[in-house]
Structure formats: C-alpha cells, structure tokens
C-alpha cells in the first residue's frame, strides 16, 4: 500500500466513525451535518470515483459521480453527460488519486486535485470541483486536466484544508439546486458561504486557466491556478476555436 493509500484508509476510518447522532429520525441528517466542512468525505468521494473508474470503466464512473449538468473542457466547457451518452468505456482506465483537498467553511463546495495517468501513459493533474448534495454526499460539477508539474513528487499525506470561517454567523441558506439549468454556471462559482470560489477563463484558441481561491487571513487567497495551452489539432484538421 502506498502512502496515499494509507491516507485513504485514514479518511475512510474518519467517515466510518461518524457519531450516531449525525442522522436524525427517518434518516434525515441534522443541521450540523448539513453545514459542517469534512475534507475526509471529499477525499473518500474522490477515491471512490477513481476506484469505480478502475472497476466499472472510466466513462461509467464519470457519468455516475457527476451532477446532471457537470462540465468539462471539450475543448470549450460542455456537459459531460451529453458528451458521454452512449460512449463505451475505454479499454484502459484513467488512474488517479488526490494529493490535496480544499473545502469551503460550510462544506458546500470543495476542490480536489492530484496526479492522473492516462491510458497512453501520459501523466496529468486533475482539478475537480465537488458540490455537497442534499443527502450530504458529494458529486462533482466541474472537472479539468492540466500538465503535471515536471518536478512533481508524491506527498506523504493527502493535504486536507478548510477555508477560514467568517466571523459573522454562518448563513444557513438552502443548498444551490443541483439541477441548475444554466450549465455555464459551473465554469465559475462560489460556495454558499462565499469562502471558496473558482473561475475558468477560456481564450479564443481554447487555452484555459482555472483559478481557485479560499478565505485565508480574512481575505480571499489563491490556492490553485493552472493553465492549459491551446490543444493541438489532429493532422490535417483546423485549430479549434472557442466562443467568447
């Protein structure tokens, strides 16, 4: 078992040892469970996603773990469920594991990132935005890939951090509806309490940049920023273009 595997086991133990009071009568989760950040749940969701890809197929896993209008770059941001409709799973799965997770203070949204190995052996870095659902489980709303850092070294533990909570009382508003009809909304967004935000910028040549900020020291601070150059078209094909 590698070091990230040990961290996964630790995360599962944390999730599995939640107190009985985390659920009320009729299986309803209490208010604290609904509005408390828990990085271990995001780590467990990400690792379950990766395990499903290995066991059931990559595209099956992408479809089953995403909200209905989740987005990915293709090369502009498009709906994953539409792109994968009827698509067979590739013979070799994508293999990945998180090395860092950031969660908003209220736990409504989170970023997970880590290395991934494609079927052709190329190594990349994924970045996934997760949304907590009404059942307190997480589904992802945005997934992107970038070149892995040339000097990347596997960390000893999965980094798990929570945004600083505002001094004021946390807002106990409703969850954002997971069935948002405007799919472009997932290209950028803000957690329910405003302590985590992300934005995807896509240029006309389809190069893109994802930036994620969280509340730290009383201000929003950048914790993740990656750029992907314009995709190279297949031989004889025109270069792709993305709408403004």
Protein backbone atom coordinates (compact mmCIF):
# COMPACT_ATOMS: atom_id res chain seq x y z
CA UNK A 1 0.00 0.00 0.00
CA UNK A 2 1.49 3.37 -0.97
CA UNK A 3 1.48 6.45 1.19
CA UNK A 4 -1.64 7.94 -0.39
CA UNK A 5 -3.33 4.59 0.15
CA UNK A 6 -2.62 4.87 3.86
CA UNK A 7 -4.12 8.34 3.87
CA UNK A 8 -7.21 6.96 2.12
CA UNK A 9 -7.63 4.31 4.80
CA UNK A 10 -7.40 7.06 7.44
CA UNK A 11 -10.06 9.08 5.60
CA UNK A 12 -12.40 6.11 5.40
CA UNK A 13 -11.98 5.44 9.12
CA UNK A 14 -12.88 9.06 9.87
CA UNK A 15 -16.02 8.87 7.73
CA UNK A 16 -16.99 5.46 9.06
CA UNK A 17 -16.64 6.53 12.67
CA UNK A 18 -19.09 9.44 12.48
CA UNK A 19 -21.22 9.61 15.62
CA UNK A 20 -24.67 8.06 15.56
CA UNK A 21 -26.15 11.49 16.14
CA UNK A 22 -25.15 12.52 12.62
CA UNK A 23 -28.53 11.22 11.46
CA UNK A 24 -31.88 12.07 12.93
CA UNK A 25 -35.17 10.19 12.83
CA UNK A 26 -36.32 8.90 9.42
CA UNK A 27 -32.71 9.05 8.15
CA UNK A 28 -32.65 12.87 7.96
CA UNK A 29 -29.25 14.41 8.62
CA UNK A 30 -29.16 17.00 11.37
CA UNK A 31 -28.41 20.63 10.68
CA UNK A 32 -24.80 20.48 11.85
CA UNK A 33 -24.01 17.61 9.46
CA UNK A 34 -25.50 19.60 6.61
CA UNK A 35 -23.37 22.68 7.21
CA UNK A 36 -20.06 21.39 8.57
CA UNK A 37 -16.90 21.01 6.45
CA UNK A 38 -15.45 17.49 6.30
CA UNK A 39 -12.42 17.10 4.00
CA UNK A 40 -12.36 13.35 4.64
CA UNK A 41 -15.73 12.99 2.87
CA UNK A 42 -14.37 14.76 -0.21
CA UNK A 43 -11.25 12.57 -0.18
CA UNK A 44 -13.41 9.46 0.16
CA UNK A 45 -15.66 10.63 -2.71
CA UNK A 46 -12.66 11.28 -4.96
CA UNK A 47 -11.06 7.92 -4.20
CA UNK A 48 -14.38 6.11 -4.71
CA UNK A 49 -14.66 7.88 -8.08
CA UNK A 50 -11.18 6.64 -9.05
CA UNK A 51 -11.92 3.12 -7.82
CA UNK A 52 -15.14 3.00 -9.84
CA UNK A 53 -13.19 4.01 -12.96
CA UNK A 54 -10.86 1.04 -12.47
CA UNK A 55 -13.61 -1.43 -11.64
CA UNK A 56 -16.54 -0.34 -13.83
CA UNK A 57 -14.88 1.77 -16.52
CA UNK A 58 -13.77 5.38 -16.78
CA UNK A 59 -16.82 6.86 -18.51
CA UNK A 60 -19.24 4.92 -16.30
CA UNK A 61 -17.55 6.47 -13.28
CA UNK A 62 -17.65 9.96 -14.77
CA UNK A 63 -21.36 9.66 -15.52
CA UNK A 64 -22.36 8.21 -12.14
CA UNK A 65 -20.43 10.64 -9.94
CA UNK A 66 -21.36 13.90 -11.71
CA UNK A 67 -24.42 16.13 -11.39
CA UNK A 68 -26.67 16.24 -14.44
CA UNK A 69 -25.13 19.41 -15.86
CA UNK A 70 -21.47 18.90 -14.82
CA UNK A 71 -18.92 20.39 -17.19
CA UNK A 72 -15.51 19.55 -18.62
CA UNK A 73 -13.39 21.10 -21.41
CA UNK A 74 -14.05 19.57 -24.82
CA UNK A 75 -12.34 21.95 -25.69
CA UNK A 76 -14.91 24.56 -24.60
CA UNK A 77 -16.79 23.70 -21.42
CA UNK A 78 -19.52 21.23 -22.35
CA UNK A 79 -21.89 18.93 -20.50
CA UNK A 80 -20.23 15.68 -19.56
CA UNK A 81 -23.46 13.69 -19.60
CA UNK A 82 -24.14 14.78 -23.20
CA UNK A 83 -20.59 14.05 -24.35
CA UNK A 84 -20.57 10.58 -22.79
CA UNK A 85 -24.07 9.48 -23.76
CA UNK A 86 -23.74 6.06 -25.39
CA UNK A 87 -19.92 6.16 -25.23
CA UNK A 88 -18.29 2.79 -24.39
CA UNK A 89 -15.66 2.70 -21.69
CA UNK A 90 -12.06 2.80 -22.92
CA UNK A 91 -10.17 -0.47 -22.62
CA UNK A 92 -7.69 1.05 -20.17
CA UNK A 93 -8.99 3.25 -17.36
CA UNK A 94 -7.56 6.57 -16.27
CA UNK A 95 -5.84 6.02 -12.92
CA UNK A 96 -5.67 8.84 -10.39
CA UNK A 97 -5.52 9.78 -6.72
CA UNK A 98 -5.89 13.13 -4.91
CA UNK A 99 -2.95 14.80 -3.22
CA UNK A 100 -4.78 17.91 -1.92
CA UNK A 101 -8.31 18.96 -0.99
CA UNK A 102 -9.72 22.38 -0.09
CA UNK A 103 -13.22 22.69 1.41
CA UNK A 104 -15.30 25.81 2.00
CA UNK A 105 -16.07 26.70 5.61
CA UNK A 106 -19.66 25.50 5.28
CA UNK A 107 -18.67 22.38 3.31
CA UNK A 108 -20.96 23.24 0.39
CA UNK A 109 -18.18 23.09 -2.24
CA UNK A 110 -14.66 21.69 -2.44
CA UNK A 111 -11.65 21.40 -4.73
CA UNK A 112 -9.72 18.17 -5.12
CA UNK A 113 -6.57 17.83 -7.19
CA UNK A 114 -3.87 15.27 -7.83
CA UNK A 115 -1.92 13.30 -10.43
CA UNK A 116 -3.59 11.11 -13.04
CA UNK A 117 -2.15 8.62 -15.52
CA UNK A 118 -3.87 8.32 -18.90
CA UNK A 119 -4.11 5.10 -20.90
CA UNK A 120 -1.20 6.20 -23.10
CA UNK A 121 1.00 6.67 -20.04
CA UNK A 122 0.89 10.46 -20.04
CA UNK A 123 0.73 11.95 -16.54
CA UNK A 124 -1.54 14.92 -15.88
CA UNK A 125 -3.00 16.88 -12.97
CA UNK A 126 -6.76 16.82 -12.46
CA UNK A 127 -8.77 19.53 -10.72
CA UNK A 128 -12.34 18.76 -9.68
CA UNK A 129 -14.96 20.96 -8.03
CA UNK A 130 -17.35 18.99 -5.81
CA UNK A 131 -20.78 20.04 -4.55
CA UNK A 132 -22.38 18.59 -1.42
CA UNK A 133 -25.85 17.28 -2.18
CA UNK A 134 -28.99 17.20 -0.05
CA UNK A 135 -28.04 13.72 1.23
CA UNK A 136 -24.68 15.15 2.43
CA UNK A 137 -22.79 13.15 -0.19
CA UNK A 138 -20.66 14.87 -2.84
CA UNK A 139 -20.99 14.93 -6.63
CA UNK A 140 -18.72 16.81 -8.95
CA UNK A 141 -19.75 19.78 -11.08
CA UNK A 142 -16.52 20.65 -12.93
CA UNK A 143 -13.52 18.56 -13.95
CA UNK A 144 -10.40 19.70 -15.80
CA UNK A 145 -6.96 18.35 -16.62
CA UNK A 146 -3.56 20.06 -16.86
CA UNK A 147 0.05 19.07 -17.41
CA UNK A 148 1.61 17.57 -14.31
CA UNK A 149 4.48 19.57 -12.86
CA UNK A 150 7.85 18.40 -14.22
CA UNK A 151 9.30 18.17 -10.69
CA UNK A 152 6.25 16.50 -9.13
CA UNK A 153 6.94 14.32 -6.10
CA UNK A 154 4.23 12.33 -4.34
CA UNK A 155 3.48 13.87 -0.93
CA UNK A 156 3.50 11.80 2.21
CA UNK A 157 -0.12 12.66 3.02
CA UNK A 158 -3.15 14.00 1.21
CA UNK A 159 -3.39 17.67 2.12
CA UNK A 160 -6.81 18.45 3.61
CA UNK A 161 -7.63 22.06 4.41
CA UNK A 162 -10.74 24.07 5.27
CA UNK A 163 -11.27 27.71 4.37
CA UNK A 164 -11.29 30.23 7.20
CA UNK A 165 -14.77 30.75 8.56
CA UNK A 166 -16.15 34.29 8.55
CA UNK A 167 -16.53 35.97 11.92
CA UNK A 168 -20.20 36.51 11.34
CA UNK A 169 -22.65 33.70 11.91
CA UNK A 170 -22.65 31.28 9.00
CA UNK A 171 -25.56 31.67 6.65
CA UNK A 172 -27.89 28.72 6.85
CA UNK A 173 -29.34 29.18 3.38
CA UNK A 174 -30.57 26.42 1.12
CA UNK A 175 -28.19 24.37 -1.00
CA UNK A 176 -27.80 25.55 -4.53
CA UNK A 177 -30.15 23.44 -6.62
CA UNK A 178 -28.02 20.58 -8.04
CA UNK A 179 -30.14 20.63 -11.20
CA UNK A 180 -29.02 24.09 -12.29
CA UNK A 181 -30.19 24.57 -15.87
CA UNK A 182 -27.54 27.12 -16.86
CA UNK A 183 -24.59 24.78 -17.30
CA UNK A 184 -22.22 27.72 -17.82
CA UNK A 185 -22.63 28.49 -14.12
CA UNK A 186 -20.26 25.66 -13.19
CA UNK A 187 -17.39 27.24 -15.13
CA UNK A 188 -17.22 29.71 -12.27
CA UNK A 189 -18.90 29.80 -8.92
CA UNK A 190 -18.79 30.48 -5.21
CA UNK A 191 -19.56 28.30 -2.22
CA UNK A 192 -22.78 29.03 -0.37
CA UNK A 193 -20.90 30.93 2.34
CA UNK A 194 -18.51 32.72 -0.05
CA UNK A 195 -15.32 31.19 1.39
CA UNK A 196 -14.34 29.23 -1.75
CA UNK A 197 -14.58 30.45 -5.33
CA UNK A 198 -13.36 29.33 -8.73
CA UNK A 199 -13.24 30.74 -12.25
CA UNK A 200 -12.37 29.18 -15.60
CA UNK A 201 -11.05 31.52 -18.29
CA UNK A 202 -11.07 30.13 -21.85
CA UNK A 203 -9.43 32.08 -24.69
CA UNK A 204 -10.49 32.07 -28.33
CA UNK A 205 -7.81 29.45 -29.12
CA UNK A 206 -9.28 27.22 -26.35
CA UNK A 207 -6.34 27.65 -24.00
CA UNK A 208 -7.72 27.87 -20.46
CA UNK A 209 -6.86 28.76 -16.90
CA UNK A 210 -8.56 27.55 -13.73
CA UNK A 211 -8.08 29.59 -10.56
CA UNK A 212 -9.43 28.67 -7.13
CA UNK A 213 -9.39 30.96 -4.09
CA UNK A 214 -10.37 30.36 -0.48
CA UNK A 215 -10.77 32.58 2.56
CA UNK A 216 -7.48 32.88 4.47
CA UNK A 217 -6.40 35.56 6.90
CA UNK A 218 -9.62 37.48 6.34
CA UNK A 219 -9.22 37.71 2.54
CA UNK A 220 -9.63 35.51 -0.49
CA UNK A 221 -6.26 33.92 -1.34
CA UNK A 222 -5.31 31.88 -4.41
CA UNK A 223 -4.66 28.22 -3.57
CA UNK A 224 -4.73 26.72 -7.07
CA UNK A 225 -4.02 28.08 -10.53
CA UNK A 226 -3.18 26.04 -13.63
CA UNK A 227 -3.02 26.90 -17.32
CA UNK A 228 -3.61 24.58 -20.25
CA UNK A 229 -2.28 25.68 -23.64
CA UNK A 230 -4.36 25.61 -26.82
CA UNK A 231 -4.99 22.00 -27.86
CA UNK A 232 -3.06 20.67 -30.84
CA UNK A 233 -5.43 19.66 -33.67
CA UNK A 234 -5.11 16.26 -35.41
CA UNK A 235 -3.06 16.29 -38.63
CA UNK A 236 -4.94 17.98 -41.46
CA UNK A 237 -7.58 19.42 -39.11
CA UNK A 238 -8.06 23.15 -38.38
CA UNK A 239 -7.16 24.53 -34.98
CA UNK A 240 -10.14 24.55 -32.60
CA UNK A 241 -11.78 27.79 -31.57
CA UNK A 242 -13.85 28.56 -28.52
CA UNK A 243 -16.62 31.17 -28.32
CA UNK A 244 -16.09 34.28 -26.27
